[in-house]
Amino acid sequence: MRWLLHWIVNAVVLLVVSHFVSGFQISGLLSAMFAVVIIGFVNATLGLLLKVATFPLSILTLGLFVFIIDAIVLWFSSKLVPGFHVNGFTPALIAAFVLALIQMLLGFFGVDKEA
């Protein structure tokens, strides 16, 4: 049941980000829910591979290079999900930063904690 709540919350977060970042578009809740699944899968495969391969660079940049990898994951996922479009690398990078910020705030306010 907890995974369902996370899935819906992440889909809503994607919709919110699409309203604030130009060039980052999601057509509706169903596309956002499908995008969350695909982003999770791409992040667990391609994202993990990229993070391992660029670990020294991430250390040199104090972890900021992870935003580049997250932007690549978002851009690649947008190519696989109908109704989810990222128009270039800059919107993907801004969206990756905003998504990380929102997820951090949700965790800070206890939305991610178990009851």
N, C-alpha and C. Protein backbone atom coordinates (compact mmCIF):
# COMPACT_ATOMS: atom_id res chain seq x y z
N MET A 1 0.82 -1.20 0.00
CA MET A 1 0.00 0.00 0.00
C MET A 1 0.86 1.27 0.00
N ARG A 2 1.99 1.19 0.69
CA ARG A 2 2.88 2.34 0.79
C ARG A 2 3.45 2.73 -0.58
N TRP A 3 3.79 1.73 -1.40
CA TRP A 3 4.35 2.00 -2.73
C TRP A 3 3.34 2.72 -3.60
N LEU A 4 2.04 2.42 -3.40
CA LEU A 4 0.99 3.08 -4.17
C LEU A 4 0.94 4.58 -3.84
N LEU A 5 1.06 4.88 -2.56
CA LEU A 5 1.08 6.29 -2.13
C LEU A 5 2.30 7.01 -2.72
N HIS A 6 3.46 6.37 -2.69
CA HIS A 6 4.67 6.97 -3.27
C HIS A 6 4.50 7.18 -4.77
N TRP A 7 3.90 6.23 -5.43
CA TRP A 7 3.69 6.32 -6.87
C TRP A 7 2.80 7.52 -7.21
N ILE A 8 1.71 7.67 -6.48
CA ILE A 8 0.78 8.78 -6.73
C ILE A 8 1.42 10.12 -6.37
N VAL A 9 2.11 10.18 -5.25
CA VAL A 9 2.77 11.43 -4.84
C VAL A 9 3.82 11.84 -5.87
N ASN A 10 4.61 10.89 -6.35
CA ASN A 10 5.62 11.21 -7.36
C ASN A 10 4.99 11.67 -8.67
N ALA A 11 3.85 11.08 -9.04
CA ALA A 11 3.15 11.51 -10.25
C ALA A 11 2.64 12.94 -10.09
N VAL A 12 2.11 13.26 -8.93
CA VAL A 12 1.62 14.62 -8.68
C VAL A 12 2.80 15.60 -8.67
N VAL A 13 3.92 15.20 -8.12
CA VAL A 13 5.11 16.05 -8.12
C VAL A 13 5.57 16.33 -9.55
N LEU A 14 5.53 15.32 -10.41
CA LEU A 14 5.88 15.54 -11.82
C LEU A 14 4.92 16.54 -12.48
N LEU A 15 3.64 16.41 -12.17
CA LEU A 15 2.66 17.36 -12.72
C LEU A 15 2.93 18.78 -12.24
N VAL A 16 3.27 18.92 -10.97
CA VAL A 16 3.57 20.25 -10.41
C VAL A 16 4.81 20.84 -11.10
N VAL A 17 5.82 20.02 -11.28
CA VAL A 17 7.04 20.49 -11.92
C VAL A 17 6.76 20.92 -13.36
N SER A 18 5.87 20.20 -14.03
CA SER A 18 5.56 20.54 -15.42
C SER A 18 4.88 21.91 -15.53
N HIS A 19 4.25 22.37 -14.45
CA HIS A 19 3.62 23.69 -14.48
C HIS A 19 4.63 24.82 -14.25
N PHE A 20 5.77 24.50 -13.64
CA PHE A 20 6.75 25.53 -13.30
C PHE A 20 7.96 25.58 -14.22
N VAL A 21 8.25 24.49 -14.91
CA VAL A 21 9.44 24.44 -15.77
C VAL A 21 8.97 24.42 -17.23
N SER A 22 9.30 25.49 -17.94
CA SER A 22 8.92 25.52 -19.36
C SER A 22 9.80 24.55 -20.13
N GLY A 23 9.19 23.85 -21.07
CA GLY A 23 9.90 22.83 -21.82
C GLY A 23 9.80 21.45 -21.20
N PHE A 24 9.14 21.33 -20.07
CA PHE A 24 8.92 20.06 -19.37
C PHE A 24 7.42 19.89 -19.29
N GLN A 25 6.87 19.00 -20.12
CA GLN A 25 5.42 18.90 -20.26
C GLN A 25 4.92 17.49 -20.02
N ILE A 26 3.83 17.39 -19.27
CA ILE A 26 3.14 16.12 -19.06
C ILE A 26 1.67 16.38 -19.34
N SER A 27 1.07 15.51 -20.14
CA SER A 27 -0.29 15.76 -20.61
C SER A 27 -1.37 15.48 -19.56
N GLY A 28 -1.10 14.65 -18.58
CA GLY A 28 -2.13 14.36 -17.59
C GLY A 28 -1.62 13.40 -16.52
N LEU A 29 -2.53 13.04 -15.62
CA LEU A 29 -2.16 12.19 -14.49
C LEU A 29 -1.74 10.79 -14.94
N LEU A 30 -2.43 10.23 -15.92
CA LEU A 30 -2.05 8.89 -16.39
C LEU A 30 -0.66 8.88 -17.02
N SER A 31 -0.36 9.89 -17.79
CA SER A 31 0.99 10.00 -18.37
C SER A 31 2.02 10.18 -17.26
N ALA A 32 1.68 10.95 -16.24
CA ALA A 32 2.61 11.17 -15.12
C ALA A 32 2.84 9.87 -14.35
N MET A 33 1.78 9.09 -14.16
CA MET A 33 1.93 7.83 -13.42
C MET A 33 2.78 6.83 -14.22
N PHE A 34 2.57 6.79 -15.53
CA PHE A 34 3.38 5.93 -16.38
C PHE A 34 4.82 6.44 -16.41
N ALA A 35 4.99 7.75 -16.45
CA ALA A 35 6.34 8.35 -16.47
C ALA A 35 7.10 8.01 -15.20
N VAL A 36 6.42 8.00 -14.06
CA VAL A 36 7.09 7.66 -12.80
C VAL A 36 7.65 6.23 -12.86
N VAL A 37 6.87 5.31 -13.41
CA VAL A 37 7.34 3.93 -13.53
C VAL A 37 8.55 3.85 -14.45
N ILE A 38 8.47 4.50 -15.60
CA ILE A 38 9.57 4.46 -16.57
C ILE A 38 10.81 5.16 -16.02
N ILE A 39 10.62 6.31 -15.35
CA ILE A 39 11.76 7.02 -14.75
C ILE A 39 12.43 6.13 -13.71
N GLY A 40 11.64 5.46 -12.91
CA GLY A 40 12.20 4.55 -11.91
C GLY A 40 13.00 3.42 -12.55
N PHE A 41 12.46 2.84 -13.62
CA PHE A 41 13.15 1.76 -14.32
C PHE A 41 14.44 2.26 -14.97
N VAL A 42 14.37 3.38 -15.67
CA VAL A 42 15.55 3.93 -16.33
C VAL A 42 16.59 4.35 -15.30
N ASN A 43 16.15 4.90 -14.18
CA ASN A 43 17.08 5.31 -13.13
C ASN A 43 17.76 4.10 -12.50
N ALA A 44 17.03 3.00 -12.37
CA ALA A 44 17.60 1.79 -11.77
C ALA A 44 18.56 1.07 -12.72
N THR A 45 18.46 1.33 -14.00
CA THR A 45 19.34 0.66 -14.96
C THR A 45 20.39 1.63 -15.50
N LEU A 46 19.98 2.49 -16.41
CA LEU A 46 20.91 3.44 -17.04
C LEU A 46 21.47 4.43 -16.01
N GLY A 47 20.62 4.93 -15.13
CA GLY A 47 21.06 5.89 -14.12
C GLY A 47 22.11 5.30 -13.20
N LEU A 48 21.89 4.06 -12.78
CA LEU A 48 22.86 3.41 -11.90
C LEU A 48 24.19 3.21 -12.62
N LEU A 49 24.11 2.78 -13.87
CA LEU A 49 25.33 2.58 -14.66
C LEU A 49 26.10 3.89 -14.81
N LEU A 50 25.39 4.97 -15.13
CA LEU A 50 26.04 6.27 -15.27
C LEU A 50 26.62 6.78 -13.95
N LYS A 51 25.91 6.56 -12.86
CA LYS A 51 26.40 7.02 -11.55
C LYS A 51 27.65 6.27 -11.13
N VAL A 52 27.70 4.98 -11.42
CA VAL A 52 28.90 4.21 -11.09
C VAL A 52 30.07 4.64 -11.99
N ALA A 53 29.79 4.82 -13.27
CA ALA A 53 30.86 5.18 -14.21
C ALA A 53 31.42 6.58 -13.95
N THR A 54 30.59 7.47 -13.44
CA THR A 54 31.03 8.86 -13.23
C THR A 54 31.24 9.18 -11.75
N PHE A 55 31.43 8.16 -10.94
CA PHE A 55 31.61 8.38 -9.50
C PHE A 55 32.76 9.33 -9.17
N PRO A 56 33.94 9.18 -9.80
CA PRO A 56 35.01 10.14 -9.49
C PRO A 56 34.63 11.58 -9.83
N LEU A 57 33.93 11.77 -10.94
CA LEU A 57 33.49 13.11 -11.31
C LEU A 57 32.48 13.66 -10.31
N SER A 58 31.63 12.79 -9.81
CA SER A 58 30.66 13.21 -8.80
C SER A 58 31.36 13.64 -7.51
N ILE A 59 32.42 12.95 -7.16
CA ILE A 59 33.18 13.34 -5.97
C ILE A 59 33.84 14.70 -6.18
N LEU A 60 34.43 14.90 -7.37
CA LEU A 60 35.08 16.18 -7.66
C LEU A 60 34.12 17.35 -7.64
N THR A 61 32.88 17.11 -8.04
CA THR A 61 31.88 18.19 -8.09
C THR A 61 31.01 18.21 -6.84
N LEU A 62 31.41 17.47 -5.82
CA LEU A 62 30.68 17.38 -4.56
C LEU A 62 29.22 16.93 -4.75
N GLY A 63 29.03 16.03 -5.69
CA GLY A 63 27.71 15.45 -5.92
C GLY A 63 26.83 16.19 -6.90
N LEU A 64 27.27 17.33 -7.38
CA LEU A 64 26.44 18.11 -8.30
C LEU A 64 26.29 17.45 -9.67
N PHE A 65 27.24 16.59 -10.03
CA PHE A 65 27.15 15.91 -11.32
C PHE A 65 25.96 14.95 -11.37
N VAL A 66 25.46 14.56 -10.22
CA VAL A 66 24.28 13.68 -10.16
C VAL A 66 23.08 14.36 -10.80
N PHE A 67 22.99 15.68 -10.72
CA PHE A 67 21.89 16.39 -11.39
C PHE A 67 21.98 16.23 -12.91
N ILE A 68 23.18 16.18 -13.44
CA ILE A 68 23.37 15.95 -14.88
C ILE A 68 22.84 14.56 -15.24
N ILE A 69 23.18 13.57 -14.44
CA ILE A 69 22.70 12.21 -14.69
C ILE A 69 21.18 12.14 -14.57
N ASP A 70 20.63 12.80 -13.55
CA ASP A 70 19.17 12.82 -13.39
C ASP A 70 18.50 13.49 -14.59
N ALA A 71 19.12 14.53 -15.12
CA ALA A 71 18.57 15.19 -16.31
C ALA A 71 18.60 14.25 -17.51
N ILE A 72 19.66 13.49 -17.65
CA ILE A 72 19.75 12.51 -18.74
C ILE A 72 18.66 11.45 -18.59
N VAL A 73 18.45 10.99 -17.36
CA VAL A 73 17.40 10.00 -17.11
C VAL A 73 16.02 10.57 -17.45
N LEU A 74 15.76 11.81 -17.06
CA LEU A 74 14.47 12.44 -17.39
C LEU A 74 14.30 12.59 -18.90
N TRP A 75 15.34 13.04 -19.56
CA TRP A 75 15.26 13.23 -21.02
C TRP A 75 15.03 11.90 -21.72
N PHE A 76 15.79 10.87 -21.33
CA PHE A 76 15.64 9.56 -21.96
C PHE A 76 14.26 8.98 -21.68
N SER A 77 13.76 9.14 -20.47
CA SER A 77 12.43 8.63 -20.11
C SER A 77 11.34 9.33 -20.92
N SER A 78 11.55 10.60 -21.21
CA SER A 78 10.54 11.34 -21.97
C SER A 78 10.41 10.79 -23.39
N LYS A 79 11.47 10.17 -23.89
CA LYS A 79 11.41 9.57 -25.24
C LYS A 79 10.59 8.29 -25.24
N LEU A 80 10.40 7.68 -24.06
CA LEU A 80 9.70 6.40 -23.97
C LEU A 80 8.24 6.52 -23.55
N VAL A 81 7.85 7.66 -23.01
CA VAL A 81 6.50 7.82 -22.46
C VAL A 81 5.69 8.77 -23.34
N PRO A 82 4.57 8.28 -23.89
CA PRO A 82 3.70 9.20 -24.64
C PRO A 82 3.04 10.20 -23.69
N GLY A 83 2.99 11.45 -24.11
CA GLY A 83 2.41 12.49 -23.27
C GLY A 83 3.39 13.13 -22.31
N PHE A 84 4.65 12.75 -22.39
CA PHE A 84 5.69 13.31 -21.53
C PHE A 84 6.81 13.79 -22.44
N HIS A 85 7.04 15.11 -22.44
CA HIS A 85 8.02 15.70 -23.36
C HIS A 85 8.97 16.63 -22.60
N VAL A 86 10.24 16.47 -22.88
CA VAL A 86 11.27 17.37 -22.36
C VAL A 86 11.96 17.97 -23.57
N ASN A 87 11.85 19.27 -23.73
CA ASN A 87 12.37 19.96 -24.91
C ASN A 87 13.79 20.45 -24.69
N GLY A 88 14.74 19.52 -24.61
CA GLY A 88 16.13 19.90 -24.49
C GLY A 88 16.73 19.57 -23.14
N PHE A 89 18.04 19.81 -23.05
CA PHE A 89 18.76 19.45 -21.83
C PHE A 89 18.53 20.44 -20.69
N THR A 90 18.42 21.73 -21.01
CA THR A 90 18.23 22.74 -19.96
C THR A 90 16.94 22.53 -19.18
N PRO A 91 15.79 22.32 -19.83
CA PRO A 91 14.58 22.03 -19.05
C PRO A 91 14.71 20.74 -18.23
N ALA A 92 15.42 19.75 -18.76
CA ALA A 92 15.62 18.50 -18.01
C ALA A 92 16.47 18.75 -16.77
N LEU A 93 17.50 19.58 -16.90
CA LEU A 93 18.36 19.89 -15.76
C LEU A 93 17.62 20.70 -14.71
N ILE A 94 16.86 21.68 -15.13
CA ILE A 94 16.07 22.49 -14.18
C ILE A 94 15.03 21.60 -13.50
N ALA A 95 14.37 20.74 -14.27
CA ALA A 95 13.36 19.84 -13.70
C ALA A 95 14.00 18.87 -12.71
N ALA A 96 15.19 18.36 -13.01
CA ALA A 96 15.89 17.46 -12.09
C ALA A 96 16.18 18.16 -10.77
N PHE A 97 16.60 19.41 -10.85
CA PHE A 97 16.88 20.18 -9.63
C PHE A 97 15.59 20.44 -8.84
N VAL A 98 14.52 20.84 -9.53
CA VAL A 98 13.25 21.13 -8.85
C VAL A 98 12.66 19.85 -8.26
N LEU A 99 12.74 18.73 -8.98
CA LEU A 99 12.25 17.46 -8.45
C LEU A 99 13.02 17.07 -7.19
N ALA A 100 14.33 17.23 -7.20
CA ALA A 100 15.14 16.91 -6.02
C ALA A 100 14.76 17.81 -4.85
N LEU A 101 14.53 19.08 -5.13
CA LEU A 101 14.15 20.03 -4.08
C LEU A 101 12.79 19.66 -3.48
N ILE A 102 11.82 19.34 -4.32
CA ILE A 102 10.49 18.97 -3.82
C ILE A 102 10.56 17.68 -3.03
N GLN A 103 11.30 16.69 -3.53
CA GLN A 103 11.43 15.43 -2.80
C GLN A 103 12.10 15.65 -1.44
N MET A 104 13.09 16.55 -1.40
CA MET A 104 13.75 16.86 -0.13
C MET A 104 12.76 17.50 0.84
N LEU A 105 11.96 18.44 0.33
CA LEU A 105 10.97 19.09 1.20
C LEU A 105 9.91 18.11 1.70
N LEU A 106 9.47 17.21 0.84
CA LEU A 106 8.50 16.20 1.25
C LEU A 106 9.09 15.30 2.34
N GLY A 107 10.34 14.93 2.18
CA GLY A 107 11.01 14.12 3.20
C GLY A 107 11.19 14.89 4.50
N PHE A 108 11.49 16.19 4.40
CA PHE A 108 11.68 17.02 5.58
C PHE A 108 10.39 17.15 6.38
N PHE A 109 9.26 17.28 5.68
CA PHE A 109 7.98 17.43 6.35
C PHE A 109 7.33 16.10 6.71
N GLY A 110 8.03 15.00 6.47
CA GLY A 110 7.56 13.71 6.93
C GLY A 110 6.61 12.99 6.02
N VAL A 111 6.46 13.44 4.78
CA VAL A 111 5.54 12.75 3.87
C VAL A 111 6.09 11.37 3.53
N ASP A 112 7.42 11.21 3.51
CA ASP A 112 8.03 9.95 3.14
C ASP A 112 8.18 8.97 4.30
N LYS A 113 7.91 9.41 5.51
CA LYS A 113 8.15 8.55 6.67
C LYS A 113 6.99 7.60 6.89
N GLU A 114 7.33 6.44 7.42
CA GLU A 114 6.32 5.42 7.71
C GLU A 114 5.50 5.82 8.92
N ALA A 115 4.23 5.48 8.89
CA ALA A 115 3.33 5.79 10.03
C ALA A 115 3.48 4.77 11.11
